[in-house]
N, C-alpha and C. Protein backbone atom coordinates (compact mmCIF):
# COMPACT_ATOMS: atom_id res chain seq x y z
N MET A 1 -14.47 -0.49 -6.32
CA MET A 1 -15.81 -0.86 -5.81
C MET A 1 -16.08 0.18 -4.68
N THR A 2 -17.43 0.67 -4.75
CA THR A 2 -17.76 1.52 -3.60
C THR A 2 -18.82 0.87 -2.91
N THR A 3 -19.03 1.10 -1.65
CA THR A 3 -20.14 0.54 -0.85
C THR A 3 -20.70 1.62 0.02
N SER A 4 -22.02 1.49 0.26
CA SER A 4 -22.76 2.56 0.97
C SER A 4 -23.60 1.77 2.00
N ALA A 5 -23.21 1.93 3.40
CA ALA A 5 -23.95 1.27 4.41
C ALA A 5 -24.95 2.19 4.91
N ASP A 6 -24.89 3.44 4.65
CA ASP A 6 -25.74 4.48 5.27
C ASP A 6 -26.02 5.63 4.17
N PRO A 7 -27.15 5.97 4.00
CA PRO A 7 -27.51 6.98 2.97
C PRO A 7 -26.70 8.32 3.40
N GLY A 8 -25.92 8.85 2.37
CA GLY A 8 -25.22 9.99 2.78
C GLY A 8 -23.76 9.81 3.04
N LYS A 9 -23.39 8.50 3.42
CA LYS A 9 -22.00 8.18 3.62
C LYS A 9 -21.47 7.33 2.47
N LEU A 10 -20.31 7.47 2.12
CA LEU A 10 -19.64 6.74 1.07
C LEU A 10 -18.33 6.21 1.52
N SER A 11 -18.02 4.96 1.37
CA SER A 11 -16.78 4.43 1.72
C SER A 11 -16.11 3.65 0.48
N VAL A 12 -14.88 3.64 0.27
CA VAL A 12 -14.23 3.02 -0.84
C VAL A 12 -13.25 2.01 -0.31
N ASN A 13 -13.37 0.84 -0.94
CA ASN A 13 -12.46 -0.28 -0.77
C ASN A 13 -11.79 -0.65 -2.01
N SER A 14 -10.55 -0.27 -2.14
CA SER A 14 -9.77 -0.59 -3.41
C SER A 14 -8.35 -1.00 -3.12
N THR A 15 -7.77 -1.61 -4.20
CA THR A 15 -6.34 -1.94 -4.07
C THR A 15 -5.64 -1.19 -5.21
N ILE A 16 -4.42 -0.74 -4.99
CA ILE A 16 -3.65 -0.02 -5.92
C ILE A 16 -2.33 -0.78 -6.04
N SER A 17 -2.05 -1.02 -7.28
CA SER A 17 -0.70 -1.74 -7.68
C SER A 17 0.13 -0.85 -8.36
N LEU A 18 1.39 -0.74 -7.73
CA LEU A 18 2.44 0.21 -8.32
C LEU A 18 3.62 -0.81 -8.60
N LYS A 19 4.36 -0.45 -9.61
CA LYS A 19 5.60 -1.06 -9.79
C LYS A 19 6.80 -0.25 -9.42
N GLY A 20 7.73 -0.85 -8.73
CA GLY A 20 8.95 -0.10 -8.28
C GLY A 20 10.12 -1.02 -8.12
N ILE A 21 11.24 -0.41 -7.84
CA ILE A 21 12.46 -1.19 -7.68
C ILE A 21 12.81 -1.23 -6.19
N VAL A 22 12.92 -2.45 -5.69
CA VAL A 22 13.31 -2.63 -4.17
C VAL A 22 14.75 -2.28 -4.03
N LYS A 23 15.00 -1.28 -3.14
CA LYS A 23 16.30 -0.77 -2.86
C LYS A 23 16.91 -1.40 -1.65
N ALA A 24 16.11 -1.77 -0.62
CA ALA A 24 16.61 -2.35 0.57
C ALA A 24 15.56 -3.14 1.25
N ILE A 25 15.94 -4.23 1.85
CA ILE A 25 15.01 -5.03 2.74
C ILE A 25 15.67 -5.15 4.12
N PHE A 26 14.89 -4.74 5.19
CA PHE A 26 15.28 -4.79 6.53
C PHE A 26 14.50 -5.72 7.18
N LYS A 27 14.70 -5.98 8.48
CA LYS A 27 13.93 -6.79 9.32
C LYS A 27 12.42 -6.60 9.27
N ASP A 28 12.05 -5.35 9.29
CA ASP A 28 10.65 -5.09 9.40
C ASP A 28 10.18 -4.12 8.32
N THR A 29 11.02 -3.62 7.46
CA THR A 29 10.69 -2.63 6.46
C THR A 29 11.26 -2.94 5.06
N VAL A 30 10.68 -2.52 4.03
CA VAL A 30 11.08 -2.62 2.59
C VAL A 30 11.00 -1.29 2.10
N HIS A 31 12.16 -0.88 1.38
CA HIS A 31 12.40 0.48 0.77
C HIS A 31 12.26 0.39 -0.71
N VAL A 32 11.15 0.95 -1.39
CA VAL A 32 11.04 0.72 -2.77
C VAL A 32 11.00 2.14 -3.41
N GLN A 33 11.71 2.03 -4.57
CA GLN A 33 11.88 3.37 -5.42
C GLN A 33 10.73 3.29 -6.50
N ILE A 34 9.87 4.40 -6.41
CA ILE A 34 8.90 4.55 -7.56
C ILE A 34 9.16 5.87 -8.10
N GLY A 35 9.52 5.97 -9.33
CA GLY A 35 9.93 7.28 -9.84
C GLY A 35 11.19 7.78 -9.19
N GLY A 36 11.09 9.02 -8.75
CA GLY A 36 12.25 9.64 -8.08
C GLY A 36 12.15 9.47 -6.58
N LYS A 37 11.14 8.85 -6.07
CA LYS A 37 10.94 8.72 -4.59
C LYS A 37 11.26 7.36 -3.99
N ILE A 38 11.73 7.27 -2.80
CA ILE A 38 11.90 6.10 -2.12
C ILE A 38 10.83 6.03 -1.06
N ILE A 39 9.98 4.90 -1.08
CA ILE A 39 9.02 4.80 -0.05
C ILE A 39 9.30 3.58 0.85
N THR A 40 9.06 3.87 2.19
CA THR A 40 9.36 2.82 3.11
C THR A 40 7.99 2.12 3.57
N LEU A 41 8.02 0.87 3.40
CA LEU A 41 6.61 0.09 3.67
C LEU A 41 7.01 -0.95 4.68
N PRO A 42 6.20 -0.94 5.87
CA PRO A 42 6.31 -2.04 6.78
C PRO A 42 5.90 -3.36 6.24
N ILE A 43 6.71 -4.34 6.54
CA ILE A 43 6.48 -5.62 5.98
C ILE A 43 5.08 -6.21 6.48
N SER A 44 4.61 -5.84 7.70
CA SER A 44 3.33 -6.26 8.17
C SER A 44 2.19 -5.87 7.27
N LYS A 45 2.34 -4.67 6.60
CA LYS A 45 1.32 -4.19 5.70
C LYS A 45 1.31 -4.96 4.29
N LEU A 46 2.41 -5.64 3.99
CA LEU A 46 2.55 -6.35 2.81
C LEU A 46 2.08 -7.88 2.82
N THR A 47 1.99 -8.42 4.03
CA THR A 47 1.58 -9.82 4.18
C THR A 47 0.05 -9.95 4.65
N ASN A 48 -0.51 -11.00 4.25
CA ASN A 48 -1.93 -11.22 4.69
C ASN A 48 -1.93 -12.14 5.86
N ASN A 49 -1.78 -11.60 7.07
CA ASN A 49 -1.74 -12.51 8.23
C ASN A 49 -3.13 -12.53 8.85
């Protein structure tokens, strides 16, 4: 979905879903393997508070 509040400006609001293997879960981060890369995600970004 694209939205335009101002002519000449463009903002994009989208969600991306990726499947991966959870390698480790720590107190405040989750480590996920997607392909050959391990990505660290803060848990605060994964919850809807």
